[in-house]
Amino acid sequence: MGLDQFNDLEEALTYLGKQGYSHSFTCCPQGWQCKETKEIFSPDELRVEKCHRFHQSRGAHKVAVLYVVAAPNGTKGLIIDNFSTYGNALFGEFLVRMKLYQIPADRRRKA
């Protein structure tokens, strides 16, 4: 799973959008729903390709995590977790069930 460095969330969203990660996924009772296509994917179907963590200390301290994901049909997009105390209880459960992108062992040795 790759981890890139960005200064802020807006920079990451702009860059990733240019890389084809143009869809937004939200948590619903059945799994992750693509806002644009209305398709719903089970947590086991989505693959986390990258993850980015952001800290904002202006005003109230906030932490957000941006998950860069891909669906089996080729849909690529983003899930944003802002760690809201009033968030959906299924959100964390679904994150744990998603597949993590793994770099093959032979490629790691060459890097």
N, C-alpha and C. Protein backbone atom coordinates (compact mmCIF):
# COMPACT_ATOMS: atom_id res chain seq x y z
N MET A 1 0.86 -1.17 0.00
CA MET A 1 0.00 0.00 0.00
C MET A 1 0.90 1.22 0.00
N GLY A 2 0.72 2.09 -0.95
CA GLY A 2 1.56 3.27 -1.07
C GLY A 2 1.14 4.38 -0.13
N LEU A 3 2.08 5.22 0.24
CA LEU A 3 1.81 6.37 1.08
C LEU A 3 2.58 7.55 0.51
N ASP A 4 1.85 8.52 -0.06
CA ASP A 4 2.47 9.71 -0.62
C ASP A 4 2.38 10.84 0.38
N GLN A 5 3.16 11.87 0.16
CA GLN A 5 3.16 13.02 1.05
C GLN A 5 2.47 14.20 0.37
N PHE A 6 1.51 14.80 1.06
CA PHE A 6 0.83 15.99 0.59
C PHE A 6 0.80 16.99 1.73
N ASN A 7 0.78 18.28 1.38
CA ASN A 7 0.71 19.31 2.40
C ASN A 7 -0.68 19.44 3.01
N ASP A 8 -1.71 19.23 2.20
CA ASP A 8 -3.07 19.33 2.72
C ASP A 8 -4.02 18.47 1.90
N LEU A 9 -5.23 18.34 2.41
CA LEU A 9 -6.23 17.49 1.79
C LEU A 9 -6.60 17.98 0.38
N GLU A 10 -6.73 19.28 0.20
CA GLU A 10 -7.09 19.82 -1.11
C GLU A 10 -6.04 19.48 -2.17
N GLU A 11 -4.77 19.56 -1.81
CA GLU A 11 -3.69 19.19 -2.73
C GLU A 11 -3.81 17.72 -3.13
N ALA A 12 -4.09 16.87 -2.15
CA ALA A 12 -4.23 15.44 -2.41
C ALA A 12 -5.42 15.17 -3.33
N LEU A 13 -6.56 15.80 -3.06
CA LEU A 13 -7.76 15.58 -3.87
C LEU A 13 -7.53 16.00 -5.32
N THR A 14 -6.84 17.12 -5.52
CA THR A 14 -6.56 17.60 -6.87
C THR A 14 -5.64 16.62 -7.60
N TYR A 15 -4.56 16.22 -6.96
CA TYR A 15 -3.60 15.30 -7.57
C TYR A 15 -4.25 13.95 -7.89
N LEU A 16 -4.95 13.37 -6.93
CA LEU A 16 -5.56 12.06 -7.12
C LEU A 16 -6.67 12.09 -8.17
N GLY A 17 -7.40 13.20 -8.24
CA GLY A 17 -8.41 13.35 -9.28
C GLY A 17 -7.79 13.28 -10.67
N LYS A 18 -6.62 13.88 -10.83
CA LYS A 18 -5.90 13.84 -12.11
C LYS A 18 -5.38 12.44 -12.41
N GLN A 19 -5.22 11.61 -11.37
CA GLN A 19 -4.76 10.23 -11.53
C GLN A 19 -5.91 9.26 -11.78
N GLY A 20 -7.13 9.79 -11.90
CA GLY A 20 -8.29 8.95 -12.20
C GLY A 20 -9.13 8.57 -11.01
N TYR A 21 -8.77 9.01 -9.82
CA TYR A 21 -9.55 8.70 -8.62
C TYR A 21 -10.60 9.80 -8.45
N SER A 22 -11.62 9.73 -9.29
CA SER A 22 -12.59 10.82 -9.40
C SER A 22 -13.93 10.54 -8.71
N HIS A 23 -14.12 9.36 -8.18
CA HIS A 23 -15.38 9.01 -7.54
C HIS A 23 -15.27 9.13 -6.01
N SER A 24 -16.40 9.35 -5.38
CA SER A 24 -16.48 9.43 -3.92
C SER A 24 -17.31 8.27 -3.40
N PHE A 25 -16.83 7.63 -2.36
CA PHE A 25 -17.55 6.51 -1.75
C PHE A 25 -17.99 6.91 -0.34
N THR A 26 -19.23 6.55 -0.02
CA THR A 26 -19.75 6.80 1.31
C THR A 26 -20.26 5.49 1.90
N CYS A 27 -20.30 5.45 3.21
CA CYS A 27 -20.74 4.26 3.93
C CYS A 27 -22.27 4.22 3.95
N CYS A 28 -22.81 3.06 3.63
CA CYS A 28 -24.25 2.82 3.73
C CYS A 28 -24.44 1.43 4.36
N PRO A 29 -25.62 1.07 4.79
CA PRO A 29 -25.81 -0.23 5.47
C PRO A 29 -25.34 -1.44 4.67
N GLN A 30 -25.36 -1.37 3.34
CA GLN A 30 -24.96 -2.51 2.51
C GLN A 30 -23.47 -2.53 2.18
N GLY A 31 -22.76 -1.44 2.43
CA GLY A 31 -21.33 -1.37 2.11
C GLY A 31 -20.92 0.04 1.72
N TRP A 32 -20.10 0.16 0.68
CA TRP A 32 -19.62 1.46 0.20
C TRP A 32 -20.38 1.83 -1.07
N GLN A 33 -21.04 2.99 -1.05
CA GLN A 33 -21.79 3.43 -2.22
C GLN A 33 -21.03 4.52 -2.96
N CYS A 34 -20.91 4.34 -4.27
CA CYS A 34 -20.30 5.36 -5.12
C CYS A 34 -21.34 6.45 -5.33
N LYS A 35 -21.02 7.67 -4.94
CA LYS A 35 -21.97 8.78 -5.05
C LYS A 35 -22.36 9.05 -6.50
N GLU A 36 -21.42 8.92 -7.40
CA GLU A 36 -21.66 9.28 -8.79
C GLU A 36 -22.46 8.22 -9.55
N THR A 37 -22.17 6.95 -9.33
CA THR A 37 -22.83 5.88 -10.09
C THR A 37 -23.95 5.20 -9.30
N LYS A 38 -24.01 5.45 -8.00
CA LYS A 38 -24.99 4.84 -7.08
C LYS A 38 -24.77 3.35 -6.87
N GLU A 39 -23.69 2.78 -7.43
CA GLU A 39 -23.37 1.37 -7.22
C GLU A 39 -22.93 1.16 -5.77
N ILE A 40 -23.25 0.00 -5.23
CA ILE A 40 -22.85 -0.35 -3.87
C ILE A 40 -21.91 -1.55 -3.94
N PHE A 41 -20.79 -1.44 -3.22
CA PHE A 41 -19.79 -2.51 -3.18
C PHE A 41 -19.66 -2.98 -1.73
N SER A 42 -19.55 -4.28 -1.56
CA SER A 42 -19.31 -4.79 -0.21
C SER A 42 -17.91 -4.37 0.21
N PRO A 43 -17.64 -4.28 1.50
CA PRO A 43 -16.30 -3.91 1.95
C PRO A 43 -15.21 -4.83 1.42
N ASP A 44 -15.53 -6.11 1.23
CA ASP A 44 -14.56 -7.07 0.73
C ASP A 44 -14.20 -6.84 -0.74
N GLU A 45 -15.03 -6.10 -1.47
CA GLU A 45 -14.79 -5.87 -2.89
C GLU A 45 -13.83 -4.70 -3.14
N LEU A 46 -13.85 -3.70 -2.28
CA LEU A 46 -12.98 -2.54 -2.50
C LEU A 46 -11.56 -2.84 -2.05
N ARG A 47 -10.61 -2.26 -2.77
CA ARG A 47 -9.19 -2.45 -2.46
C ARG A 47 -8.59 -1.09 -2.11
N VAL A 48 -7.95 -0.99 -0.96
CA VAL A 48 -7.27 0.24 -0.56
C VAL A 48 -5.91 0.25 -1.24
N GLU A 49 -5.69 1.22 -2.12
CA GLU A 49 -4.43 1.31 -2.84
C GLU A 49 -3.43 2.24 -2.17
N LYS A 50 -3.94 3.26 -1.52
CA LYS A 50 -3.08 4.21 -0.81
C LYS A 50 -3.86 4.78 0.36
N CYS A 51 -3.12 5.36 1.28
CA CYS A 51 -3.73 5.95 2.46
C CYS A 51 -2.94 7.21 2.82
N HIS A 52 -3.65 8.27 3.14
CA HIS A 52 -3.02 9.54 3.49
C HIS A 52 -3.64 10.07 4.77
N ARG A 53 -2.81 10.55 5.68
CA ARG A 53 -3.29 11.09 6.95
C ARG A 53 -2.97 12.58 7.01
N PHE A 54 -3.95 13.36 7.45
CA PHE A 54 -3.79 14.81 7.51
C PHE A 54 -4.11 15.31 8.90
N HIS A 55 -3.30 16.27 9.38
CA HIS A 55 -3.52 16.95 10.66
C HIS A 55 -3.78 18.42 10.35
N GLN A 56 -4.79 18.97 10.98
CA GLN A 56 -5.04 20.40 10.87
C GLN A 56 -5.11 20.95 12.28
N SER A 57 -4.26 21.90 12.59
CA SER A 57 -4.25 22.42 13.95
C SER A 57 -4.76 23.85 14.02
N ARG A 58 -5.22 24.40 12.91
CA ARG A 58 -5.83 25.73 12.96
C ARG A 58 -7.16 25.62 13.66
N GLY A 59 -7.37 26.40 14.69
CA GLY A 59 -8.62 26.31 15.44
C GLY A 59 -8.66 24.99 16.19
N ALA A 60 -9.71 24.25 16.01
CA ALA A 60 -9.83 22.94 16.65
C ALA A 60 -8.91 21.94 15.95
N HIS A 61 -8.28 21.08 16.72
CA HIS A 61 -7.39 20.06 16.16
C HIS A 61 -8.22 19.01 15.44
N LYS A 62 -7.91 18.78 14.17
CA LYS A 62 -8.65 17.81 13.38
C LYS A 62 -7.70 16.84 12.71
N VAL A 63 -8.14 15.61 12.60
CA VAL A 63 -7.39 14.58 11.88
C VAL A 63 -8.33 13.99 10.84
N ALA A 64 -7.80 13.77 9.65
CA ALA A 64 -8.57 13.12 8.58
C ALA A 64 -7.68 12.10 7.90
N VAL A 65 -8.31 11.02 7.45
CA VAL A 65 -7.59 10.01 6.69
C VAL A 65 -8.29 9.86 5.35
N LEU A 66 -7.50 9.87 4.29
CA LEU A 66 -8.00 9.73 2.93
C LEU A 66 -7.60 8.35 2.42
N TYR A 67 -8.59 7.53 2.09
CA TYR A 67 -8.34 6.20 1.53
C TYR A 67 -8.55 6.26 0.03
N VAL A 68 -7.55 5.83 -0.73
CA VAL A 68 -7.61 5.78 -2.18
C VAL A 68 -7.98 4.35 -2.55
N VAL A 69 -9.14 4.18 -3.20
CA VAL A 69 -9.68 2.83 -3.38
C VAL A 69 -10.01 2.52 -4.85
N ALA A 70 -10.10 1.23 -5.14
CA ALA A 70 -10.49 0.75 -6.46
C ALA A 70 -11.51 -0.36 -6.30
N ALA A 71 -12.52 -0.35 -7.17
CA ALA A 71 -13.56 -1.38 -7.18
C ALA A 71 -13.23 -2.40 -8.26
N PRO A 72 -13.80 -3.60 -8.17
CA PRO A 72 -13.49 -4.64 -9.16
C PRO A 72 -13.89 -4.28 -10.60
N ASN A 73 -14.83 -3.36 -10.76
CA ASN A 73 -15.25 -2.96 -12.11
C ASN A 73 -14.40 -1.83 -12.69
N GLY A 74 -13.35 -1.44 -11.97
CA GLY A 74 -12.45 -0.39 -12.45
C GLY A 74 -12.74 1.00 -11.92
N THR A 75 -13.83 1.16 -11.20
CA THR A 75 -14.15 2.46 -10.59
C THR A 75 -13.09 2.79 -9.55
N LYS A 76 -12.52 3.99 -9.67
CA LYS A 76 -11.48 4.42 -8.73
C LYS A 76 -11.96 5.68 -8.02
N GLY A 77 -11.73 5.72 -6.71
CA GLY A 77 -12.20 6.87 -5.98
C GLY A 77 -11.61 7.00 -4.59
N LEU A 78 -12.32 7.75 -3.75
CA LEU A 78 -11.80 8.15 -2.45
C LEU A 78 -12.83 7.95 -1.34
N ILE A 79 -12.33 7.62 -0.17
CA ILE A 79 -13.13 7.58 1.06
C ILE A 79 -12.42 8.50 2.04
N ILE A 80 -13.15 9.44 2.62
CA ILE A 80 -12.56 10.34 3.61
C ILE A 80 -13.13 10.02 4.97
N ASP A 81 -12.25 9.80 5.94
CA ASP A 81 -12.63 9.55 7.32
C ASP A 81 -12.17 10.75 8.14
N ASN A 82 -13.14 11.53 8.64
CA ASN A 82 -12.77 12.71 9.42
C ASN A 82 -12.85 12.46 10.92
N PHE A 83 -12.99 11.20 11.31
CA PHE A 83 -13.02 10.79 12.73
C PHE A 83 -14.07 11.54 13.53
N SER A 84 -15.23 11.75 12.93
CA SER A 84 -16.33 12.42 13.61
C SER A 84 -16.82 11.57 14.77
N THR A 85 -17.08 12.19 15.90
CA THR A 85 -17.61 11.45 17.04
C THR A 85 -19.06 11.04 16.80
N TYR A 86 -19.69 11.63 15.82
CA TYR A 86 -21.07 11.29 15.50
C TYR A 86 -21.15 10.46 14.22
N GLY A 87 -20.07 9.82 13.86
CA GLY A 87 -19.99 9.07 12.62
C GLY A 87 -20.79 7.78 12.63
N ASN A 88 -20.81 7.14 11.49
CA ASN A 88 -21.51 5.88 11.28
C ASN A 88 -20.71 4.75 11.91
N ALA A 89 -21.36 3.96 12.75
CA ALA A 89 -20.68 2.86 13.45
C ALA A 89 -20.16 1.80 12.48
N LEU A 90 -20.78 1.64 11.31
CA LEU A 90 -20.34 0.65 10.34
C LEU A 90 -19.04 1.05 9.63
N PHE A 91 -18.74 2.34 9.63
CA PHE A 91 -17.59 2.86 8.89
C PHE A 91 -16.31 2.11 9.25
N GLY A 92 -15.98 2.05 10.53
CA GLY A 92 -14.76 1.37 10.97
C GLY A 92 -14.77 -0.12 10.67
N GLU A 93 -15.93 -0.74 10.85
CA GLU A 93 -16.05 -2.17 10.56
C GLU A 93 -15.78 -2.44 9.08
N PHE A 94 -16.32 -1.59 8.20
CA PHE A 94 -16.12 -1.75 6.77
C PHE A 94 -14.66 -1.51 6.38
N LEU A 95 -14.00 -0.54 7.01
CA LEU A 95 -12.59 -0.26 6.70
C LEU A 95 -11.73 -1.49 6.99
N VAL A 96 -11.98 -2.14 8.10
CA VAL A 96 -11.20 -3.32 8.50
C VAL A 96 -11.35 -4.45 7.49
N ARG A 97 -12.49 -4.56 6.86
CA ARG A 97 -12.76 -5.66 5.93
C ARG A 97 -12.24 -5.41 4.52
N MET A 98 -11.82 -4.18 4.20
CA MET A 98 -11.35 -3.89 2.85
C MET A 98 -9.98 -4.51 2.60
N LYS A 99 -9.71 -4.83 1.35
CA LYS A 99 -8.44 -5.43 0.97
C LYS A 99 -7.37 -4.35 0.88
N LEU A 100 -6.17 -4.68 1.32
CA LEU A 100 -5.04 -3.76 1.18
C LEU A 100 -4.22 -4.17 -0.02
N TYR A 101 -3.82 -3.20 -0.81
CA TYR A 101 -2.97 -3.47 -1.96
C TYR A 101 -1.60 -3.87 -1.45
N GLN A 102 -1.09 -5.00 -1.94
CA GLN A 102 0.21 -5.50 -1.52
C GLN A 102 1.19 -5.44 -2.69
N ILE A 103 2.39 -4.97 -2.43
CA ILE A 103 3.45 -5.00 -3.44
C ILE A 103 4.05 -6.40 -3.43
N PRO A 104 4.11 -7.06 -4.57
CA PRO A 104 4.70 -8.41 -4.60
C PRO A 104 6.09 -8.43 -3.99
N ALA A 105 6.43 -9.50 -3.28
CA ALA A 105 7.71 -9.62 -2.59
C ALA A 105 8.90 -9.40 -3.50
N ASP A 106 8.86 -9.91 -4.75
CA ASP A 106 10.00 -9.78 -5.65
C ASP A 106 10.21 -8.33 -6.06
N ARG A 107 9.15 -7.51 -6.12
CA ARG A 107 9.28 -6.09 -6.47
C ARG A 107 9.85 -5.29 -5.31
N ARG A 108 9.53 -5.70 -4.08
CA ARG A 108 10.04 -4.97 -2.90
C ARG A 108 11.56 -5.10 -2.82
N ARG A 109 12.09 -6.23 -3.18
CA ARG A 109 13.54 -6.44 -3.08
C ARG A 109 14.29 -5.58 -4.09
N LYS A 110 13.70 -5.30 -5.24
CA LYS A 110 14.36 -4.50 -6.27
C LYS A 110 14.34 -3.01 -5.95
N ALA A 111 13.37 -2.57 -5.16
CA ALA A 111 13.21 -1.13 -4.89
C ALA A 111 14.30 -0.58 -4.00
